[in-house]
PDB file of N, CA and C in Angstrom:
ATOM      1  N   MET A   1     -22.457 -15.739 -46.626  1.00  0.00           N
ATOM      2  CA  MET A   1     -21.556 -16.357 -45.500  1.00  0.00           C
ATOM      3  C   MET A   1     -21.915 -15.533 -44.223  1.00  0.00           C
ATOM      4  N   SER A   2     -22.304 -16.246 -43.069  1.00  0.00           N
ATOM      5  CA  SER A   2     -22.422 -15.486 -41.905  1.00  0.00           C
ATOM      6  C   SER A   2     -21.162 -15.477 -41.024  1.00  0.00           C
ATOM      7  N   GLN A   3     -20.970 -14.346 -40.412  1.00  0.00           N
ATOM      8  CA  GLN A   3     -19.801 -14.156 -39.496  1.00  0.00           C
ATOM      9  C   GLN A   3     -20.224 -14.334 -38.167  1.00  0.00           C
ATOM     10  N   ARG A   4     -19.513 -14.982 -37.441  1.00  0.00           N
ATOM     11  CA  ARG A   4     -19.722 -15.189 -35.926  1.00  0.00           C
ATOM     12  C   ARG A   4     -19.439 -13.801 -35.415  1.00  0.00           C
ATOM     13  N   PRO A   5     -20.060 -13.609 -34.262  1.00  0.00           N
ATOM     14  CA  PRO A   5     -19.779 -12.316 -33.501  1.00  0.00           C
ATOM     15  C   PRO A   5     -18.424 -12.423 -32.985  1.00  0.00           C
ATOM     16  N   VAL A   6     -17.629 -11.199 -32.987  1.00  0.00           N
ATOM     17  CA  VAL A   6     -16.478 -11.144 -32.360  1.00  0.00           C
ATOM     18  C   VAL A   6     -16.497 -10.815 -30.931  1.00  0.00           C
ATOM     19  N   PRO A   7     -16.037 -11.602 -29.938  1.00  0.00           N
ATOM     20  CA  PRO A   7     -16.033 -11.241 -28.755  1.00  0.00           C
ATOM     21  C   PRO A   7     -15.051 -10.105 -28.251  1.00  0.00           C
ATOM     22  N   VAL A   8     -15.401  -9.307 -27.429  1.00  0.00           N
ATOM     23  CA  VAL A   8     -14.601  -8.371 -27.012  1.00  0.00           C
ATOM     24  C   VAL A   8     -14.377  -8.393 -25.452  1.00  0.00           C
ATOM     25  N   SER A   9     -13.228  -8.027 -24.923  1.00  0.00           N
ATOM     26  CA  SER A   9     -12.921  -8.193 -23.509  1.00  0.00           C
ATOM     27  C   SER A   9     -12.825  -6.642 -23.083  1.00  0.00           C
ATOM     28  N   ILE A  10     -13.646  -6.179 -22.140  1.00  0.00           N
ATOM     29  CA  ILE A  10     -13.418  -4.882 -21.517  1.00  0.00           C
ATOM     30  C   ILE A  10     -12.751  -5.000 -20.296  1.00  0.00           C
ATOM     31  N   LEU A  11     -11.661  -4.538 -20.108  1.00  0.00           N
ATOM     32  CA  LEU A  11     -10.636  -4.860 -18.931  1.00  0.00           C
ATOM     33  C   LEU A  11     -10.515  -3.525 -18.115  1.00  0.00           C
ATOM     34  N   VAL A  12     -11.060  -3.665 -16.837  1.00  0.00           N
ATOM     35  CA  VAL A  12     -11.008  -2.440 -16.031  1.00  0.00           C
ATOM     36  C   VAL A  12     -10.224  -2.695 -14.710  1.00  0.00           C
ATOM     37  N   PRO A  13      -9.149  -1.968 -14.578  1.00  0.00           N
ATOM     38  CA  PRO A  13      -8.453  -2.029 -13.263  1.00  0.00           C
ATOM     39  C   PRO A  13      -9.180  -1.030 -12.367  1.00  0.00           C
ATOM     40  N   ALA A  14      -9.355  -1.358 -10.998  1.00  0.00           N
ATOM     41  CA  ALA A  14     -10.033  -0.611 -10.191  1.00  0.00           C
ATOM     42  C   ALA A  14      -9.389  -0.558  -8.767  1.00  0.00           C
ATOM     43  N   TYR A  15      -8.893   0.739  -8.439  1.00  0.00           N
ATOM     44  CA  TYR A  15      -8.507   0.924  -7.095  1.00  0.00           C
ATOM     45  C   TYR A  15      -9.078   2.091  -6.418  1.00  0.00           C
ATOM     46  N   ASN A  16     -10.003   1.935  -5.423  1.00  0.00           N
ATOM     47  CA  ASN A  16     -10.897   2.823  -4.724  1.00  0.00           C
ATOM     48  C   ASN A  16     -11.510   3.742  -5.792  1.00  0.00           C
ATOM     49  N   ALA A  17     -12.328   2.967  -6.686  1.00  0.00           N
ATOM     50  CA  ALA A  17     -12.987   3.738  -7.613  1.00  0.00           C
ATOM     51  C   ALA A  17     -14.319   3.616  -7.578  1.00  0.00           C
ATOM     52  N   ALA A  18     -14.969   3.353  -6.439  1.00  0.00           N
ATOM     53  CA  ALA A  18     -16.471   3.087  -6.228  1.00  0.00           C
ATOM     54  C   ALA A  18     -17.270   4.193  -6.673  1.00  0.00           C
ATOM     55  N   ARG A  19     -16.909   5.429  -6.500  1.00  0.00           N
ATOM     56  CA  ARG A  19     -17.643   6.576  -7.077  1.00  0.00           C
ATOM     57  C   ARG A  19     -17.743   6.571  -8.407  1.00  0.00           C
ATOM     58  N   TYR A  20     -16.852   6.113  -9.226  1.00  0.00           N
ATOM     59  CA  TYR A  20     -16.910   6.144 -10.749  1.00  0.00           C
ATOM     60  C   TYR A  20     -17.491   4.835 -11.327  1.00  0.00           C
ATOM     61  N   LEU A  21     -17.400   3.880 -10.756  1.00  0.00           N
ATOM     62  CA  LEU A  21     -17.622   2.567 -11.343  1.00  0.00           C
ATOM     63  C   LEU A  21     -19.089   2.393 -11.794  1.00  0.00           C
ATOM     64  N   PRO A  22     -20.124   2.654 -11.059  1.00  0.00           N
ATOM     65  CA  PRO A  22     -21.584   2.636 -11.719  1.00  0.00           C
ATOM     66  C   PRO A  22     -21.711   3.224 -13.026  1.00  0.00           C
ATOM     67  N   GLU A  23     -21.169   4.424 -12.888  1.00  0.00           N
ATOM     68  CA  GLU A  23     -21.441   5.120 -14.365  1.00  0.00           C
ATOM     69  C   GLU A  23     -20.810   4.542 -15.553  1.00  0.00           C
ATOM     70  N   LEU A  24     -19.479   4.003 -15.349  1.00  0.00           N
ATOM     71  CA  LEU A  24     -18.972   3.176 -16.280  1.00  0.00           C
ATOM     72  C   LEU A  24     -19.716   1.912 -16.673  1.00  0.00           C
ATOM     73  N   CYS A  25     -19.975   1.262 -15.712  1.00  0.00           N
ATOM     74  CA  CYS A  25     -20.729   0.005 -15.832  1.00  0.00           C
ATOM     75  C   CYS A  25     -22.076   0.108 -16.535  1.00  0.00           C
ATOM     76  N   ARG A  26     -22.746   1.162 -16.216  1.00  0.00           N
ATOM     77  CA  ARG A  26     -24.008   1.492 -16.948  1.00  0.00           C
ATOM     78  C   ARG A  26     -23.767   1.823 -18.472  1.00  0.00           C
ATOM     79  N   SER A  27     -22.698   2.468 -18.699  1.00  0.00           N
ATOM     80  CA  SER A  27     -22.296   2.837 -20.170  1.00  0.00           C
ATOM     81  C   SER A  27     -21.972   1.581 -20.753  1.00  0.00           C
ATOM     82  N   ILE A  28     -21.376   0.588 -20.146  1.00  0.00           N
ATOM     83  CA  ILE A  28     -20.901  -0.637 -20.913  1.00  0.00           C
ATOM     84  C   ILE A  28     -22.152  -1.323 -21.053  1.00  0.00           C
ATOM     85  N   GLN A  29     -23.156  -1.539 -20.216  1.00  0.00           N
ATOM     86  CA  GLN A  29     -24.387  -2.212 -20.542  1.00  0.00           C
ATOM     87  C   GLN A  29     -25.330  -1.551 -21.632  1.00  0.00           C
ATOM     88  N   ALA A  30     -24.947  -0.216 -21.797  1.00  0.00           N
ATOM     89  CA  ALA A  30     -25.722   0.420 -22.909  1.00  0.00           C
ATOM     90  C   ALA A  30     -25.178   0.252 -24.330  1.00  0.00           C
ATOM     91  N   GLN A  31     -24.050  -0.470 -24.368  1.00  0.00           N
ATOM     92  CA  GLN A  31     -23.284  -0.809 -25.666  1.00  0.00           C
ATOM     93  C   GLN A  31     -24.335  -1.307 -26.786  1.00  0.00           C
ATOM     94  N   THR A  32     -24.114  -0.791 -27.915  1.00  0.00           N
ATOM     95  CA  THR A  32     -24.948  -1.372 -29.096  1.00  0.00           C
ATOM     96  C   THR A  32     -24.515  -2.577 -29.442  1.00  0.00           C
ATOM     97  N   TYR A  33     -23.369  -3.109 -29.092  1.00  0.00           N
ATOM     98  CA  TYR A  33     -22.600  -4.262 -29.443  1.00  0.00           C
ATOM     99  C   TYR A  33     -22.614  -5.108 -28.424  1.00  0.00           C
ATOM    100  N   PRO A  34     -23.309  -6.254 -28.218  1.00  0.00           N
ATOM    101  CA  PRO A  34     -23.546  -7.035 -26.993  1.00  0.00           C
ATOM    102  C   PRO A  34     -22.706  -8.155 -26.736  1.00  0.00           C
ATOM    103  N   HIS A  35     -21.666  -8.422 -27.612  1.00  0.00           N
ATOM    104  CA  HIS A  35     -20.731  -9.578 -27.452  1.00  0.00           C
ATOM    105  C   HIS A  35     -19.510  -9.344 -26.829  1.00  0.00           C
ATOM    106  N   TYR A  36     -19.610  -8.918 -25.402  1.00  0.00           N
ATOM    107  CA  TYR A  36     -18.476  -8.667 -24.650  1.00  0.00           C
ATOM    108  C   TYR A  36     -18.449  -9.294 -23.324  1.00  0.00           C
ATOM    109  N   GLU A  37     -17.196  -9.317 -22.715  1.00  0.00           N
ATOM    110  CA  GLU A  37     -17.162  -9.767 -21.240  1.00  0.00           C
ATOM    111  C   GLU A  37     -16.460  -8.428 -20.690  1.00  0.00           C
ATOM    112  N   VAL A  38     -16.820  -8.326 -19.410  1.00  0.00           N
ATOM    113  CA  VAL A  38     -16.188  -7.229 -18.537  1.00  0.00           C
ATOM    114  C   VAL A  38     -15.456  -7.903 -17.469  1.00  0.00           C
ATOM    115  N   LEU A  39     -14.293  -7.666 -17.405  1.00  0.00           N
ATOM    116  CA  LEU A  39     -13.409  -8.155 -16.239  1.00  0.00           C
ATOM    117  C   LEU A  39     -12.888  -6.876 -15.537  1.00  0.00           C
ATOM    118  N   ILE A  40     -13.378  -6.837 -14.266  1.00  0.00           N
ATOM    119  CA  ILE A  40     -12.917  -5.756 -13.359  1.00  0.00           C
ATOM    120  C   ILE A  40     -12.022  -6.256 -12.301  1.00  0.00           C
ATOM    121  N   ALA A  41     -10.941  -5.740 -12.049  1.00  0.00           N
ATOM    122  CA  ALA A  41     -10.000  -6.155 -11.148  1.00  0.00           C
ATOM    123  C   ALA A  41      -9.989  -5.280 -10.027  1.00  0.00           C
ATOM    124  N   ASN A  42     -10.471  -5.602  -8.758  1.00  0.00           N
ATOM    125  CA  ASN A  42     -10.507  -4.823  -7.625  1.00  0.00           C
ATOM    126  C   ASN A  42      -9.119  -5.034  -7.010  1.00  0.00           C
ATOM    127  N   ASP A  43      -8.265  -4.010  -7.029  1.00  0.00           N
ATOM    128  CA  ASP A  43      -6.830  -4.058  -6.709  1.00  0.00           C
ATOM    129  C   ASP A  43      -6.742  -3.740  -5.258  1.00  0.00           C
ATOM    130  N   GLY A  44      -7.316  -4.392  -4.223  1.00  0.00           N
ATOM    131  CA  GLY A  44      -7.082  -4.219  -2.861  1.00  0.00           C
ATOM    132  C   GLY A  44      -7.840  -2.886  -2.417  1.00  0.00           C
ATOM    133  N   SER A  45      -8.947  -2.479  -3.097  1.00  0.00           N
ATOM    134  CA  SER A  45      -9.641  -1.241  -2.637  1.00  0.00           C
ATOM    135  C   SER A  45     -10.123  -1.265  -1.209  1.00  0.00           C
ATOM    136  N   THR A  46     -10.005   0.009  -0.623  1.00  0.00           N
ATOM    137  CA  THR A  46     -10.402   0.073   0.741  1.00  0.00           C
ATOM    138  C   THR A  46     -11.686   0.868   0.756  1.00  0.00           C
ATOM    139  N   ASP A  47     -12.366   1.233  -0.426  1.00  0.00           N
ATOM    140  CA  ASP A  47     -13.743   1.770  -0.257  1.00  0.00           C
ATOM    141  C   ASP A  47     -14.638   0.727  -0.579  1.00  0.00           C
ATOM    142  N   ASN A  48     -15.912   1.056  -0.869  1.00  0.00           N
ATOM    143  CA  ASN A  48     -16.923   0.081  -1.197  1.00  0.00           C
ATOM    144  C   ASN A  48     -17.019  -0.115  -2.661  1.00  0.00           C
ATOM    145  N   THR A  49     -15.946  -0.441  -3.291  1.00  0.00           N
ATOM    146  CA  THR A  49     -15.898  -0.852  -4.694  1.00  0.00           C
ATOM    147  C   THR A  49     -16.630  -2.054  -4.901  1.00  0.00           C
ATOM    148  N   VAL A  50     -16.604  -3.216  -4.035  1.00  0.00           N
ATOM    149  CA  VAL A  50     -17.222  -4.434  -4.231  1.00  0.00           C
ATOM    150  C   VAL A  50     -18.690  -4.351  -4.210  1.00  0.00           C
ATOM    151  N   SER A  51     -19.182  -3.402  -3.205  1.00  0.00           N
ATOM    152  CA  SER A  51     -20.575  -3.324  -3.086  1.00  0.00           C
ATOM    153  C   SER A  51     -21.310  -2.627  -4.219  1.00  0.00           C
ATOM    154  N   VAL A  52     -20.627  -1.538  -4.738  1.00  0.00           N
ATOM    155  CA  VAL A  52     -21.241  -0.896  -5.790  1.00  0.00           C
ATOM    156  C   VAL A  52     -21.173  -1.650  -7.107  1.00  0.00           C
ATOM    157  N   LEU A  53     -20.441  -2.648  -7.305  1.00  0.00           N
ATOM    158  CA  LEU A  53     -20.555  -3.525  -8.417  1.00  0.00           C
ATOM    159  C   LEU A  53     -21.492  -4.529  -8.228  1.00  0.00           C
ATOM    160  N   ALA A  54     -22.039  -4.851  -7.136  1.00  0.00           N
ATOM    161  CA  ALA A  54     -22.835  -6.051  -6.841  1.00  0.00           C
ATOM    162  C   ALA A  54     -23.975  -6.087  -7.906  1.00  0.00           C
ATOM    163  N   PRO A  55     -24.790  -4.969  -8.070  1.00  0.00           N
ATOM    164  CA  PRO A  55     -25.884  -5.075  -8.998  1.00  0.00           C
ATOM    165  C   PRO A  55     -25.413  -5.323 -10.538  1.00  0.00           C
ATOM    166  N   PHE A  56     -24.380  -4.974 -10.879  1.00  0.00           N
ATOM    167  CA  PHE A  56     -23.742  -5.353 -12.391  1.00  0.00           C
ATOM    168  C   PHE A  56     -23.365  -6.757 -12.485  1.00  0.00           C
ATOM    169  N   LEU A  57     -23.082  -7.332 -11.316  1.00  0.00           N
ATOM    170  CA  LEU A  57     -22.436  -8.708 -11.358  1.00  0.00           C
ATOM    171  C   LEU A  57     -23.879  -9.641 -11.651  1.00  0.00           C
ATOM    172  N   ARG A  58     -24.986  -9.248 -11.655  1.00  0.00           N
ATOM    173  CA  ARG A  58     -26.125  -9.986 -12.131  1.00  0.00           C
ATOM    174  C   ARG A  58     -26.096 -10.078 -13.713  1.00  0.00           C
ATOM    175  N   ASP A  59     -25.537  -9.499 -14.243  1.00  0.00           N
ATOM    176  CA  ASP A  59     -25.248  -9.379 -15.786  1.00  0.00           C
ATOM    177  C   ASP A  59     -23.961 -10.426 -15.911  1.00  0.00           C
ATOM    178  N   GLN A  60     -24.303 -11.525 -16.658  1.00  0.00           N
ATOM    179  CA  GLN A  60     -23.222 -12.683 -16.642  1.00  0.00           C
ATOM    180  C   GLN A  60     -22.116 -12.163 -17.503  1.00  0.00           C
ATOM    181  N   ARG A  61     -22.112 -11.106 -18.266  1.00  0.00           N
ATOM    182  CA  ARG A  61     -20.883 -10.657 -18.894  1.00  0.00           C
ATOM    183  C   ARG A  61     -19.891  -9.968 -18.017  1.00  0.00           C
ATOM    184  N   PHE A  62     -20.299  -9.755 -16.900  1.00  0.00           N
ATOM    185  CA  PHE A  62     -19.521  -9.003 -15.808  1.00  0.00           C
ATOM    186  C   PHE A  62     -18.866 -10.013 -14.882  1.00  0.00           C
ATOM    187  N   GLN A  63     -17.586  -9.738 -14.716  1.00  0.00           N
ATOM    188  CA  GLN A  63     -16.962 -10.592 -13.728  1.00  0.00           C
ATOM    189  C   GLN A  63     -16.043  -9.799 -12.814  1.00  0.00           C
ATOM    190  N   LEU A  64     -15.919 -10.015 -11.546  1.00  0.00           N
ATOM    191  CA  LEU A  64     -15.141  -9.221 -10.712  1.00  0.00           C
ATOM    192  C   LEU A  64     -14.110 -10.166 -10.178  1.00  0.00           C
ATOM    193  N   LEU A  65     -12.820  -9.739 -10.365  1.00  0.00           N
ATOM    194  CA  LEU A  65     -11.702 -10.403  -9.830  1.00  0.00           C
ATOM    195  C   LEU A  65     -11.039  -9.534  -8.732  1.00  0.00           C
ATOM    196  N   GLY A  66     -10.344  -9.878  -7.765  1.00  0.00           N
ATOM    197  CA  GLY A  66     -10.008  -9.223  -6.821  1.00  0.00           C
ATOM    198  C   GLY A  66      -8.970  -9.894  -5.772  1.00  0.00           C
ATOM    199  N   TRP A  67      -8.421  -9.071  -4.787  1.00  0.00           N
ATOM    200  CA  TRP A  67      -7.471  -9.559  -3.904  1.00  0.00           C
ATOM    201  C   TRP A  67      -7.396  -8.463  -2.786  1.00  0.00           C
ATOM    202  N   GLU A  68      -7.007  -8.842  -1.566  1.00  0.00           N
ATOM    203  CA  GLU A  68      -6.994  -7.964  -0.360  1.00  0.00           C
ATOM    204  C   GLU A  68      -5.972  -6.725  -0.400  1.00  0.00           C
ATOM    205  N   GLU A  69      -4.735  -7.031  -0.846  1.00  0.00           N
ATOM    206  CA  GLU A  69      -3.762  -6.060  -0.828  1.00  0.00           C
ATOM    207  C   GLU A  69      -3.591  -5.490  -2.207  1.00  0.00           C
ATOM    208  N   ASN A  70      -3.274  -4.250  -2.204  1.00  0.00           N
ATOM    209  CA  ASN A  70      -3.064  -3.559  -3.505  1.00  0.00           C
ATOM    210  C   ASN A  70      -1.629  -4.059  -4.029  1.00  0.00           C
ATOM    211  N   ARG A  71      -1.798  -4.584  -5.308  1.00  0.00           N
ATOM    212  CA  ARG A  71      -0.613  -5.033  -5.971  1.00  0.00           C
ATOM    213  C   ARG A  71      -0.033  -4.080  -7.089  1.00  0.00           C
ATOM    214  N   GLY A  72      -0.763  -3.041  -7.192  1.00  0.00           N
ATOM    215  CA  GLY A  72      -0.297  -2.138  -8.215  1.00  0.00           C
ATOM    216  C   GLY A  72      -0.903  -2.363  -9.685  1.00  0.00           C
ATOM    217  N   LEU A  73      -0.853  -1.327 -10.460  1.00  0.00           N
ATOM    218  CA  LEU A  73      -1.381  -1.457 -11.802  1.00  0.00           C
ATOM    219  C   LEU A  73      -0.598  -2.439 -12.576  1.00  0.00           C
ATOM    220  N   ASN A  74       0.585  -2.735 -12.677  1.00  0.00           N
ATOM    221  CA  ASN A  74       1.202  -3.660 -13.682  1.00  0.00           C
ATOM    222  C   ASN A  74       0.926  -5.151 -13.249  1.00  0.00           C
ATOM    223  N   GLN A  75       0.661  -5.435 -12.093  1.00  0.00           N
ATOM    224  CA  GLN A  75       0.327  -6.766 -11.794  1.00  0.00           C
ATOM    225  C   GLN A  75      -1.373  -6.963 -11.959  1.00  0.00           C
ATOM    226  N   THR A  76      -1.886  -5.914 -11.660  1.00  0.00           N
ATOM    227  CA  THR A  76      -3.439  -5.996 -12.074  1.00  0.00           C
ATOM    228  C   THR A  76      -3.523  -6.178 -13.576  1.00  0.00           C
ATOM    229  N   TRP A  77      -2.895  -5.497 -14.369  1.00  0.00           N
ATOM    230  CA  TRP A  77      -2.956  -5.690 -15.884  1.00  0.00           C
ATOM    231  C   TRP A  77      -2.691  -7.106 -16.194  1.00  0.00           C
ATOM    232  N   ALA A  78      -1.441  -7.685 -15.658  1.00  0.00           N
ATOM    233  CA  ALA A  78      -1.153  -9.038 -16.008  1.00  0.00           C
ATOM    234  C   ALA A  78      -2.129 -10.002 -15.720  1.00  0.00           C
ATOM    235  N   VAL A  79      -2.920  -9.789 -14.655  1.00  0.00           N
ATOM    236  CA  VAL A  79      -4.113 -10.663 -14.246  1.00  0.00           C
ATOM    237  C   VAL A  79      -5.138 -10.344 -15.334  1.00  0.00           C
ATOM    238  N   LEU A  80      -5.400  -9.305 -15.522  1.00  0.00           N
ATOM    239  CA  LEU A  80      -6.683  -9.028 -16.482  1.00  0.00           C
ATOM    240  C   LEU A  80      -6.422  -9.545 -17.762  1.00  0.00           C
ATOM    241  N   CYS A  81      -5.113  -9.353 -18.497  1.00  0.00           N
ATOM    242  CA  CYS A  81      -4.732  -9.811 -19.756  1.00  0.00           C
ATOM    243  C   CYS A  81      -4.894 -11.259 -19.709  1.00  0.00           C
ATOM    244  N   SER A  82      -4.278 -12.015 -18.728  1.00  0.00           N
ATOM    245  CA  SER A  82      -4.411 -13.479 -18.754  1.00  0.00           C
ATOM    246  C   SER A  82      -5.604 -14.076 -18.731  1.00  0.00           C
ATOM    247  N   ARG A  83      -6.709 -13.393 -18.227  1.00  0.00           N
ATOM    248  CA  ARG A  83      -8.049 -13.844 -18.199  1.00  0.00           C
ATOM    249  C   ARG A  83      -8.837 -13.549 -19.189  1.00  0.00           C
ATOM    250  N   ALA A  84      -8.635 -12.559 -20.163  1.00  0.00           N
ATOM    251  CA  ALA A  84      -9.288 -12.062 -21.259  1.00  0.00           C
ATOM    252  C   ALA A  84      -9.592 -13.238 -22.233  1.00  0.00           C
ATOM    253  N   LYS A  85     -10.849 -13.219 -22.618  1.00  0.00           N
ATOM    254  CA  LYS A  85     -11.188 -14.338 -23.627  1.00  0.00           C
ATOM    255  C   LYS A  85     -11.413 -13.751 -25.117  1.00  0.00           C
ATOM    256  N   GLY A  86     -11.618 -12.426 -25.154  1.00  0.00           N
ATOM    257  CA  GLY A  86     -12.099 -11.785 -26.310  1.00  0.00           C
ATOM    258  C   GLY A  86     -10.926 -11.751 -27.458  1.00  0.00           C
ATOM    259  N   ASP A  87     -11.433 -11.691 -28.628  1.00  0.00           N
ATOM    260  CA  ASP A  87     -10.615 -11.523 -29.818  1.00  0.00           C
ATOM    261  C   ASP A  87     -10.013 -10.146 -29.794  1.00  0.00           C
ATOM    262  N   TYR A  88     -10.818  -9.299 -29.306  1.00  0.00           N
ATOM    263  CA  TYR A  88     -10.252  -7.890 -29.269  1.00  0.00           C
ATOM    264  C   TYR A  88     -10.457  -7.447 -27.703  1.00  0.00           C
ATOM    265  N   TRP A  89      -9.644  -6.436 -27.249  1.00  0.00           N
ATOM    266  CA  TRP A  89     -10.023  -5.880 -25.988  1.00  0.00           C
ATOM    267  C   TRP A  89      -9.896  -4.325 -25.956  1.00  0.00           C
ATOM    268  N   CYS A  90     -10.450  -3.671 -24.921  1.00  0.00           N
ATOM    269  CA  CYS A  90     -10.366  -2.272 -24.777  1.00  0.00           C
ATOM    270  C   CYS A  90     -10.145  -2.187 -23.296  1.00  0.00           C
ATOM    271  N   CYS A  91      -9.652  -0.988 -22.894  1.00  0.00           N
ATOM    272  CA  CYS A  91      -9.219  -0.783 -21.512  1.00  0.00           C
ATOM    273  C   CYS A  91      -9.786   0.587 -20.981  1.00  0.00           C
ATOM    274  N   PRO A  92     -11.066   0.874 -20.593  1.00  0.00           N
ATOM    275  CA  PRO A  92     -11.446   2.077 -20.240  1.00  0.00           C
ATOM    276  C   PRO A  92     -11.062   2.231 -18.729  1.00  0.00           C
ATOM    277  N   GLY A  93     -10.642   3.435 -18.428  1.00  0.00           N
ATOM    278  CA  GLY A  93     -10.245   3.658 -16.969  1.00  0.00           C
ATOM    279  C   GLY A  93     -11.558   3.578 -16.067  1.00  0.00           C
ATOM    280  N   ALA A  94     -11.361   3.264 -14.801  1.00  0.00           N
ATOM    281  CA  ALA A  94     -12.597   3.180 -13.984  1.00  0.00           C
ATOM    282  C   ALA A  94     -13.391   4.383 -13.917  1.00  0.00           C
ATOM    283  N   ASP A  95     -12.837   5.556 -14.356  1.00  0.00           N
ATOM    284  CA  ASP A  95     -13.674   6.913 -14.187  1.00  0.00           C
ATOM    285  C   ASP A  95     -14.146   7.206 -15.649  1.00  0.00           C
ATOM    286  N   ASP A  96     -14.067   6.346 -16.553  1.00  0.00           N
ATOM    287  CA  ASP A  96     -14.417   6.743 -17.942  1.00  0.00           C
ATOM    288  C   ASP A  96     -15.906   6.281 -18.166  1.00  0.00           C
ATOM    289  N   VAL A  97     -16.559   6.978 -19.228  1.00  0.00           N
ATOM    290  CA  VAL A  97     -17.860   6.576 -19.688  1.00  0.00           C
ATOM    291  C   VAL A  97     -17.761   6.420 -21.076  1.00  0.00           C
ATOM    292  N   LEU A  98     -18.338   5.309 -21.668  1.00  0.00           N
ATOM    293  CA  LEU A  98     -18.163   4.817 -23.143  1.00  0.00           C
ATOM    294  C   LEU A  98     -19.522   5.237 -23.709  1.00  0.00           C
ATOM    295  N   TYR A  99     -19.270   5.937 -24.929  1.00  0.00           N
ATOM    296  CA  TYR A  99     -20.470   6.292 -25.971  1.00  0.00           C
ATOM    297  C   TYR A  99     -21.125   4.997 -26.199  1.00  0.00           C
ATOM    298  N   PRO A 100     -22.331   4.849 -26.424  1.00  0.00           N
ATOM    299  CA  PRO A 100     -23.048   3.629 -26.762  1.00  0.00           C
ATOM    300  C   PRO A 100     -22.556   2.900 -27.856  1.00  0.00           C
ATOM    301  N   THR A 101     -21.972   3.493 -28.905  1.00  0.00           N
ATOM    302  CA  THR A 101     -21.518   2.762 -29.953  1.00  0.00           C
ATOM    303  C   THR A 101     -20.154   2.536 -30.035  1.00  0.00           C
ATOM    304  N   PHE A 102     -19.332   2.724 -28.705  1.00  0.00           N
ATOM    305  CA  PHE A 102     -17.870   2.652 -28.905  1.00  0.00           C
ATOM    306  C   PHE A 102     -17.383   1.432 -29.202  1.00  0.00           C
ATOM    307  N   VAL A 103     -17.926   0.244 -28.570  1.00  0.00           N
ATOM    308  CA  VAL A 103     -17.454  -1.103 -28.902  1.00  0.00           C
ATOM    309  C   VAL A 103     -17.765  -1.431 -30.260  1.00  0.00           C
ATOM    310  N   GLU A 104     -18.969  -1.227 -30.583  1.00  0.00           N
ATOM    311  CA  GLU A 104     -19.348  -1.620 -32.143  1.00  0.00           C
ATOM    312  C   GLU A 104     -18.432  -0.833 -33.035  1.00  0.00           C
ATOM    313  N   ASN A 105     -18.196   0.452 -32.962  1.00  0.00           N
ATOM    314  CA  ASN A 105     -17.386   1.126 -33.847  1.00  0.00           C
ATOM    315  C   ASN A 105     -15.943   0.571 -33.823  1.00  0.00           C
ATOM    316  N   ARG A 106     -15.383   0.189 -32.740  1.00  0.00           N
ATOM    317  CA  ARG A 106     -14.103  -0.380 -32.577  1.00  0.00           C
ATOM    318  C   ARG A 106     -13.913  -1.682 -33.305  1.00  0.00           C
ATOM    319  N   VAL A 107     -14.973  -2.604 -33.132  1.00  0.00           N
ATOM    320  CA  VAL A 107     -14.971  -3.775 -33.823  1.00  0.00           C
ATOM    321  C   VAL A 107     -15.061  -3.563 -35.385  1.00  0.00           C
ATOM    322  N   ASN A 108     -15.883  -2.681 -35.863  1.00  0.00           N
ATOM    323  CA  ASN A 108     -15.949  -2.482 -37.198  1.00  0.00           C
ATOM    324  C   ASN A 108     -14.616  -2.000 -37.800  1.00  0.00           C
ATOM    325  N   ILE A 109     -14.027  -1.198 -37.078  1.00  0.00           N
ATOM    326  CA  ILE A 109     -12.765  -0.514 -37.583  1.00  0.00           C
ATOM    327  C   ILE A 109     -11.666  -1.765 -37.583  1.00  0.00           C
ATOM    328  N   LEU A 110     -11.617  -2.448 -36.501  1.00  0.00           N
ATOM    329  CA  LEU A 110     -10.554  -3.503 -36.398  1.00  0.00           C
ATOM    330  C   LEU A 110     -10.822  -4.713 -37.631  1.00  0.00           C
ATOM    331  N   GLN A 111     -12.131  -4.969 -37.745  1.00  0.00           N
ATOM    332  CA  GLN A 111     -12.384  -5.848 -38.680  1.00  0.00           C
ATOM    333  C   GLN A 111     -12.195  -5.475 -40.075  1.00  0.00           C
ATOM    334  N   ALA A 112     -12.436  -4.080 -40.439  1.00  0.00           N
ATOM    335  CA  ALA A 112     -12.240  -3.614 -41.824  1.00  0.00           C
ATOM    336  C   ALA A 112     -10.550  -3.613 -42.006  1.00  0.00           C
ATOM    337  N   ASN A 113      -9.841  -3.485 -41.017  1.00  0.00           N
ATOM    338  CA  ASN A 113      -8.393  -3.400 -41.135  1.00  0.00           C
ATOM    339  C   ASN A 113      -7.558  -4.629 -40.807  1.00  0.00           C
ATOM    340  N   ARG A 114      -8.133  -5.742 -41.018  1.00  0.00           N
ATOM    341  CA  ARG A 114      -7.570  -7.057 -40.596  1.00  0.00           C
ATOM    342  C   ARG A 114      -6.387  -7.336 -41.588  1.00  0.00           C
TER     343      ARG A 114
END
């Protein structure tokens, strides 16, 4: 019996995180588990968050959400959670870096303990 790939939503709230986001995004693209979507919410950043994310938006798994005024983390999380399509989700901080097998390991653990 063949199992379908389990989609994972990677949810990233971002406020003035331009200096960190490229490294996080590169670490996401380096994941050994390819069945994910990345939703990044730009919560009214005043730095160059949007421009540093532009190269990553060529990857169809990445999506940038955003608004002009800072709404705060609670409202940002509400938007991210409402848009997530994955069976599972993870929420690295904008200044985190994921080990290449992070998502794969998480899916394996969750599937084994269903």
